[in-house]
């Protein structure tokens, strides 16, 4: 039995990763700010309450050492320095990054998408060799890039597997894109407008598939960067239809050519003008990775979790980060007025 320490253990990926490692025979220490325990974890999982921003608390959680440290919440240069400082006590690390670090060959990326002609046009599919944004402190993407750069530079002291996750989905997600369609169905909306002809593709990543990548990387120390996405990238219209099927409803799609109409009509958390689809060849080659779930298979669990969290609550209270990131996703008045405005 070998020892694994998981930071951010009660988050959406952490819960799945702790379970996957423990069932694979690892002695797991689950570290989180609340010190909670997931009901699905094996009894042998050790729970530690610690804030990863506290260097002393993190060092105490690692204790005399561990074979692998799995970090769900690393972000920026400070966390990279923190992890590298543990190099003598940690055999290797597996760290979650993001596909948002990629930029296209014209230097366009997720940070420029609000500008005219600023949305990146990535090759399909995107491989790990695609260029990335300049590291810095300006945004989520640049801070993730800084984290990656500093950890890769210290790979001789701390071997690290960086997993560039796509649009993460599953229970306990604070920003579930599926919320958009689940709430509409609960509100009885039986017609929906989809921008870009409903063809937007933003590659999803199940917490279960990411946990499988973590499980495979943990006993194989090395310094590498791997994409972490599901085996398929369904269109937004396909995602909406799959959620309808889980919830037992039928909805008419009104397809809007081009971007969302004024008032955001037709826009969803999945809506992008060009596909964001990633390649998983390297994960298969280096780790022997095979996905454990497909997107549609995970939806019953995801939908049930969202429905339970919404019960009796305003969606902005249930999911404040969604409101912060996307604004008012459910402006039904603007949507109902749109057909008349379009005719005019």
Protein backbone atom coordinates (compact mmCIF):
# COMPACT_ATOMS: atom_id res chain seq x y z
CA UNK A 1 0.00 0.00 0.00
CA UNK A 2 1.29 3.46 -0.92
CA UNK A 3 0.22 6.84 0.42
CA UNK A 4 -1.65 9.56 -1.45
CA UNK A 5 -2.60 13.01 -0.18
CA UNK A 6 -5.49 14.71 -1.98
CA UNK A 7 -5.98 18.48 -1.66
CA UNK A 8 -9.47 19.78 -2.28
CA UNK A 9 -10.85 16.36 -1.43
CA UNK A 10 -14.48 17.40 -0.97
CA UNK A 11 -14.71 19.30 -4.24
CA UNK A 12 -16.29 17.93 -7.38
CA UNK A 13 -13.17 16.15 -8.70
CA UNK A 14 -11.72 15.43 -5.28
CA UNK A 15 -14.62 13.28 -4.14
CA UNK A 16 -14.30 11.03 -7.19
CA UNK A 17 -10.50 10.95 -7.07
CA UNK A 18 -10.30 9.98 -3.41
CA UNK A 19 -12.70 7.12 -4.01
CA UNK A 20 -10.83 5.92 -7.12
CA UNK A 21 -7.45 5.94 -5.37
CA UNK A 22 -8.73 4.27 -2.21
CA UNK A 23 -10.41 1.50 -4.17
CA UNK A 24 -7.18 1.03 -6.09
CA UNK A 25 -5.33 0.23 -2.86
CA UNK A 26 -3.87 3.59 -1.91
CA UNK A 27 -3.75 4.80 1.67
CA UNK A 28 -5.49 8.13 1.12
CA UNK A 29 -5.43 11.29 3.23
CA UNK A 30 -8.31 13.54 2.14
CA UNK A 31 -7.53 17.21 2.86
CA UNK A 32 -10.14 19.97 2.70
CA UNK A 33 -10.96 23.21 4.47
CA UNK A 34 -14.06 21.69 6.05
CA UNK A 35 -12.56 18.31 6.80
CA UNK A 36 -15.66 16.55 5.48
CA UNK A 37 -16.10 12.96 4.38
CA UNK A 38 -17.97 11.73 1.34
CA UNK A 39 -20.42 8.93 2.03
CA UNK A 40 -19.05 6.94 -0.90
CA UNK A 41 -15.45 6.79 0.34
CA UNK A 42 -14.07 3.54 1.79
CA UNK A 43 -13.72 3.56 5.59
CA UNK A 44 -9.93 3.59 5.45
CA UNK A 45 -9.76 7.12 4.02
CA UNK A 46 -8.16 9.49 6.55
CA UNK A 47 -9.76 12.94 6.72
CA UNK A 48 -7.74 16.07 7.58
CA UNK A 49 -9.01 19.59 7.93
CA UNK A 50 -6.56 22.15 6.53
CA UNK A 51 -6.49 25.25 4.36
CA UNK A 52 -4.02 24.80 1.53
CA UNK A 53 -3.17 28.52 1.77
CA UNK A 54 -1.60 27.73 5.17
CA UNK A 55 1.87 26.33 4.42
CA UNK A 56 2.28 24.86 7.89
CA UNK A 57 -1.11 23.15 7.78
CA UNK A 58 -0.37 21.69 4.37
CA UNK A 59 3.03 20.44 5.50
CA UNK A 60 1.41 18.83 8.53
CA UNK A 61 -1.15 17.10 6.30
CA UNK A 62 1.67 15.67 4.18
CA UNK A 63 3.42 14.58 7.37
CA UNK A 64 6.51 12.43 6.94
CA UNK A 65 5.82 12.19 3.25
CA UNK A 66 3.64 10.65 0.58
CA UNK A 67 4.14 8.89 -2.71
CA UNK A 68 1.79 11.19 -4.61
CA UNK A 69 0.13 14.51 -3.86
CA UNK A 70 -3.01 15.23 -5.88
CA UNK A 71 -3.97 18.91 -6.05
CA UNK A 72 -7.41 19.92 -7.28
CA UNK A 73 -7.17 23.61 -6.39
CA UNK A 74 -3.65 24.76 -7.30
CA UNK A 75 -3.72 28.17 -8.93
CA UNK A 76 -0.86 30.51 -9.80
CA UNK A 77 2.77 30.91 -8.91
CA UNK A 78 2.32 30.86 -5.13
CA UNK A 79 0.77 27.41 -5.19
CA UNK A 80 3.49 26.18 -7.54
CA UNK A 81 6.15 27.37 -5.08
CA UNK A 82 4.25 25.74 -2.25
CA UNK A 83 4.15 22.38 -4.02
CA UNK A 84 7.79 22.51 -5.08
CA UNK A 85 8.80 23.26 -1.48
CA UNK A 86 7.48 19.81 -0.56
CA UNK A 87 9.65 18.06 -3.17
CA UNK A 88 11.76 16.23 -0.63
CA UNK A 89 8.68 14.71 1.03
CA UNK A 90 6.46 14.10 -2.01
CA UNK A 91 7.32 11.50 -4.61
CA UNK A 92 5.30 13.08 -7.41
CA UNK A 93 2.29 15.30 -7.96
CA UNK A 94 -0.86 15.25 -10.10
CA UNK A 95 -2.28 18.75 -10.56
CA UNK A 96 -5.49 19.91 -12.23
CA UNK A 97 -5.08 22.60 -14.87
CA UNK A 98 -7.45 23.76 -17.61
CA UNK A 99 -7.89 23.81 -21.39
CA UNK A 100 -8.35 27.57 -20.96
CA UNK A 101 -4.53 27.90 -21.09
CA UNK A 102 -4.61 27.25 -24.84
CA UNK A 103 -4.52 30.04 -27.40
CA UNK A 104 -4.75 29.84 -31.17
CA UNK A 105 -1.98 30.60 -33.63
CA UNK A 106 -3.14 34.25 -33.80
CA UNK A 107 -2.75 34.71 -30.04
CA UNK A 108 -6.49 34.62 -29.36
CA UNK A 109 -7.67 32.81 -26.25
CA UNK A 110 -10.49 32.65 -23.70
CA UNK A 111 -9.47 36.06 -22.37
CA UNK A 112 -9.90 37.77 -25.76
CA UNK A 113 -13.23 36.19 -26.70
CA UNK A 114 -15.27 39.28 -25.75
CA UNK A 115 -13.34 41.40 -28.25
CA UNK A 116 -14.47 41.78 -31.88
CA UNK A 117 -13.15 38.74 -33.76
CA UNK A 118 -11.46 37.76 -30.53
CA UNK A 119 -12.69 34.22 -30.08
CA UNK A 120 -9.91 31.71 -30.67
CA UNK A 121 -10.08 29.34 -33.61
CA UNK A 122 -8.40 26.24 -32.27
CA UNK A 123 -7.40 23.31 -34.46
CA UNK A 124 -9.78 20.37 -34.07
CA UNK A 125 -8.86 18.50 -32.04
CA UNK A 126 -6.47 20.50 -29.81
CA UNK A 127 -3.38 18.56 -28.76
CA UNK A 128 -1.06 19.28 -25.86
CA UNK A 129 1.42 20.80 -28.34
CA UNK A 130 -0.87 23.76 -28.99
CA UNK A 131 0.60 27.06 -27.80
CA UNK A 132 -0.56 28.48 -24.48
CA UNK A 133 -1.17 31.95 -23.08
CA UNK A 134 1.61 34.00 -21.58
CA UNK A 135 1.89 33.22 -17.84
CA UNK A 136 0.86 36.03 -15.50
CA UNK A 137 -1.56 37.20 -12.84
CA UNK A 138 -4.16 38.90 -15.04
CA UNK A 139 -6.73 36.11 -15.37
CA UNK A 140 -7.69 32.56 -14.56
CA UNK A 141 -6.04 31.36 -17.78
CA UNK A 142 -2.76 33.22 -17.28
CA UNK A 143 -2.51 32.11 -13.65
CA UNK A 144 -3.07 28.48 -14.63
CA UNK A 145 -0.37 28.92 -17.27
CA UNK A 146 1.98 30.34 -14.63
CA UNK A 147 1.26 27.37 -12.38
CA UNK A 148 2.06 24.99 -15.24
CA UNK A 149 5.26 26.76 -16.24
CA UNK A 150 6.73 26.84 -12.74
CA UNK A 151 5.82 23.22 -11.98
CA UNK A 152 7.23 21.96 -15.27
CA UNK A 153 10.44 23.92 -14.65
CA UNK A 154 10.83 22.08 -11.33
CA UNK A 155 10.09 18.68 -12.83
CA UNK A 156 13.55 17.37 -11.96
CA UNK A 157 12.76 17.93 -8.27
CA UNK A 158 9.05 17.13 -8.28
CA UNK A 159 7.70 15.04 -11.17
CA UNK A 160 4.27 16.41 -12.05
CA UNK A 161 1.38 15.32 -14.23
CA UNK A 162 -0.70 18.33 -15.30
CA UNK A 163 -4.25 17.48 -16.37
CA UNK A 164 -5.87 20.12 -18.60
CA UNK A 165 -9.55 19.62 -17.86
CA UNK A 166 -12.37 20.68 -20.15
CA UNK A 167 -15.87 21.73 -19.07
CA UNK A 168 -16.04 19.75 -15.83
CA UNK A 169 -19.36 18.13 -14.98
CA UNK A 170 -20.77 15.96 -12.24
CA UNK A 171 -22.24 16.27 -8.74
CA UNK A 172 -20.95 19.01 -6.41
CA UNK A 173 -20.00 21.27 -9.30
CA UNK A 174 -20.36 24.94 -8.30
CA UNK A 175 -20.82 26.05 -11.91
CA UNK A 176 -22.74 23.28 -13.68
CA UNK A 177 -23.49 24.26 -17.25
CA UNK A 178 -26.32 21.72 -17.18
CA UNK A 179 -28.15 24.06 -14.80
CA UNK A 180 -29.24 26.12 -17.81
CA UNK A 181 -31.36 23.33 -19.26
CA UNK A 182 -32.39 21.69 -15.98
CA UNK A 183 -33.91 24.90 -14.60
CA UNK A 184 -35.65 25.74 -17.87
CA UNK A 185 -37.30 22.34 -17.83
CA UNK A 186 -38.30 22.72 -14.20
CA UNK A 187 -39.81 26.12 -15.08
CA UNK A 188 -41.91 24.58 -17.85
CA UNK A 189 -40.10 26.27 -20.73
CA UNK A 190 -40.85 24.10 -23.73
CA UNK A 191 -39.17 26.22 -26.36
CA UNK A 192 -35.53 27.28 -26.33
CA UNK A 193 -33.43 29.45 -28.59
CA UNK A 194 -29.92 28.22 -29.35
CA UNK A 195 -27.30 30.52 -30.86
CA UNK A 196 -24.83 29.34 -33.50
CA UNK A 197 -27.41 26.94 -34.85
CA UNK A 198 -27.18 24.79 -31.74
CA UNK A 199 -23.89 23.43 -33.05
CA UNK A 200 -21.56 24.83 -30.35
CA UNK A 201 -19.16 22.24 -28.95
CA UNK A 202 -17.23 22.83 -25.73
CA UNK A 203 -15.55 19.60 -24.70
CA UNK A 204 -16.95 18.26 -21.41
CA UNK A 205 -14.91 16.41 -18.79
CA UNK A 206 -16.59 14.08 -16.30
CA UNK A 207 -15.25 14.00 -12.76
CA UNK A 208 -15.17 10.21 -13.14
CA UNK A 209 -12.95 10.32 -16.22
CA UNK A 210 -10.63 12.84 -14.58
CA UNK A 211 -10.47 10.60 -11.49
CA UNK A 212 -9.48 7.70 -13.74
CA UNK A 213 -6.65 9.76 -15.21
CA UNK A 214 -5.51 10.60 -11.67
CA UNK A 215 -5.65 6.93 -10.70
CA UNK A 216 -3.51 5.96 -13.69
CA UNK A 217 -0.99 8.79 -13.27
CA UNK A 218 -0.50 8.31 -9.51
CA UNK A 219 1.68 5.15 -9.71
CA UNK A 220 3.51 6.41 -12.83
CA UNK A 221 5.63 9.41 -11.78
CA UNK A 222 6.68 11.64 -14.63
CA UNK A 223 6.60 15.22 -15.83
CA UNK A 224 3.91 15.50 -18.48
CA UNK A 225 0.94 17.54 -19.67
CA UNK A 226 -2.24 15.71 -20.68
CA UNK A 227 -5.68 16.78 -21.84
CA UNK A 228 -8.51 15.56 -19.60
CA UNK A 229 -11.83 15.40 -21.43
CA UNK A 230 -14.63 12.95 -22.21
CA UNK A 231 -14.53 10.63 -25.23
CA UNK A 232 -17.01 12.81 -27.12
CA UNK A 233 -17.84 16.49 -27.44
CA UNK A 234 -21.60 16.74 -28.06
CA UNK A 235 -23.17 19.86 -29.51
CA UNK A 236 -25.20 22.13 -27.25
CA UNK A 237 -28.37 20.92 -28.98
CA UNK A 238 -27.40 17.30 -28.26
CA UNK A 239 -26.69 18.13 -24.62
CA UNK A 240 -30.07 19.85 -24.27
CA UNK A 241 -31.87 16.88 -25.83
CA UNK A 242 -30.04 14.44 -23.55
CA UNK A 243 -31.09 16.42 -20.47
CA UNK A 244 -34.66 16.51 -21.78
CA UNK A 245 -34.58 12.72 -22.05
CA UNK A 246 -33.38 12.33 -18.46
CA UNK A 247 -36.11 14.67 -17.22
CA UNK A 248 -38.83 13.17 -19.42
CA UNK A 249 -39.77 16.34 -21.29
CA UNK A 250 -39.95 17.44 -24.92
CA UNK A 251 -38.68 20.84 -25.99
CA UNK A 252 -38.73 22.63 -29.34
CA UNK A 253 -35.41 24.09 -30.47
CA UNK A 254 -35.38 27.45 -32.28
CA UNK A 255 -31.98 27.68 -33.95
CA UNK A 256 -30.46 31.11 -34.31
CA UNK A 257 -27.76 31.59 -36.92
CA UNK A 258 -24.80 33.41 -35.44
CA UNK A 259 -24.32 34.83 -31.95
CA UNK A 260 -26.96 35.38 -29.27
CA UNK A 261 -29.59 38.03 -29.95
CA UNK A 262 -29.75 41.27 -27.89
CA UNK A 263 -30.44 40.51 -24.26
CA UNK A 264 -28.41 37.32 -24.53
CA UNK A 265 -31.28 35.39 -26.12
CA UNK A 266 -29.94 32.08 -27.41
CA UNK A 267 -26.78 32.17 -25.35
CA UNK A 268 -25.97 29.29 -23.00
CA UNK A 269 -22.93 28.39 -20.89
CA UNK A 270 -21.97 26.04 -23.72
CA UNK A 271 -22.35 28.54 -26.56
CA UNK A 272 -19.14 29.18 -28.49
CA UNK A 273 -18.84 30.28 -32.14
CA UNK A 274 -16.18 27.67 -33.01
CA UNK A 275 -15.58 24.20 -31.56
CA UNK A 276 -13.35 23.68 -28.53
CA UNK A 277 -12.52 19.98 -28.85
CA UNK A 278 -9.44 18.27 -27.39
CA UNK A 279 -7.41 15.22 -28.33
CA UNK A 280 -6.81 12.36 -25.84
CA UNK A 281 -4.14 10.42 -27.76
CA UNK A 282 -1.35 11.28 -25.33
CA UNK A 283 -3.29 10.06 -22.28
CA UNK A 284 -3.91 6.77 -24.05
CA UNK A 285 -0.28 6.47 -25.11
CA UNK A 286 1.36 7.46 -21.83
CA UNK A 287 -1.07 6.04 -19.28
CA UNK A 288 -3.10 3.46 -21.18
CA UNK A 289 -6.14 5.60 -20.43
CA UNK A 290 -9.63 4.52 -21.41
CA UNK A 291 -12.70 6.58 -20.42
CA UNK A 292 -14.88 5.04 -17.75
CA UNK A 293 -18.07 6.98 -18.61
CA UNK A 294 -19.64 8.85 -21.50
CA UNK A 295 -21.36 12.20 -21.15
CA UNK A 296 -24.96 11.00 -21.47
CA UNK A 297 -24.35 8.21 -18.94
CA UNK A 298 -23.48 10.75 -16.24
CA UNK A 299 -26.51 12.98 -16.73
CA UNK A 300 -29.00 11.23 -14.40
CA UNK A 301 -26.61 11.76 -11.48
CA UNK A 302 -25.86 15.36 -12.46
CA UNK A 303 -29.50 16.32 -13.07
CA UNK A 304 -30.64 14.77 -9.78
CA UNK A 305 -27.98 16.70 -7.88
CA UNK A 306 -28.95 20.01 -9.50
CA UNK A 307 -32.67 19.41 -8.90
CA UNK A 308 -32.04 18.65 -5.23
CA UNK A 309 -29.89 21.76 -4.79
CA UNK A 310 -32.48 23.98 -6.48
CA UNK A 311 -35.43 22.67 -4.46
CA UNK A 312 -37.06 25.61 -2.67
CA UNK A 313 -34.21 28.01 -3.45
CA UNK A 314 -33.51 30.84 -5.84
CA UNK A 315 -30.97 29.60 -8.40
CA UNK A 316 -28.68 32.51 -7.61
CA UNK A 317 -28.56 31.40 -3.99
CA UNK A 318 -28.02 27.76 -4.94
CA UNK A 319 -25.35 28.58 -7.52
CA UNK A 320 -23.86 32.01 -6.82
CA UNK A 321 -20.77 31.33 -8.95
CA UNK A 322 -22.97 30.71 -11.98
CA UNK A 323 -24.60 34.10 -11.53
CA UNK A 324 -21.20 35.70 -11.01
CA UNK A 325 -19.76 34.10 -14.16
CA UNK A 326 -22.73 34.30 -16.54
CA UNK A 327 -25.16 36.90 -15.19
CA UNK A 328 -28.90 36.32 -15.50
CA UNK A 329 -29.19 33.08 -17.45
CA UNK A 330 -32.97 33.03 -17.19
CA UNK A 331 -34.24 36.31 -18.59
CA UNK A 332 -37.48 34.81 -19.86
CA UNK A 333 -39.02 38.24 -20.50
CA UNK A 334 -36.31 39.08 -23.04
CA UNK A 335 -36.70 35.68 -24.64
CA UNK A 336 -40.48 35.98 -24.92
CA UNK A 337 -40.16 39.43 -26.48
CA UNK A 338 -37.56 38.31 -28.98
CA UNK A 339 -39.85 36.84 -31.69
CA UNK A 340 -41.73 40.12 -32.05
CA UNK A 341 -38.50 42.08 -32.08
CA UNK A 342 -37.09 39.80 -34.75
CA UNK A 343 -40.17 40.26 -36.94
CA UNK A 344 -39.95 44.02 -36.52
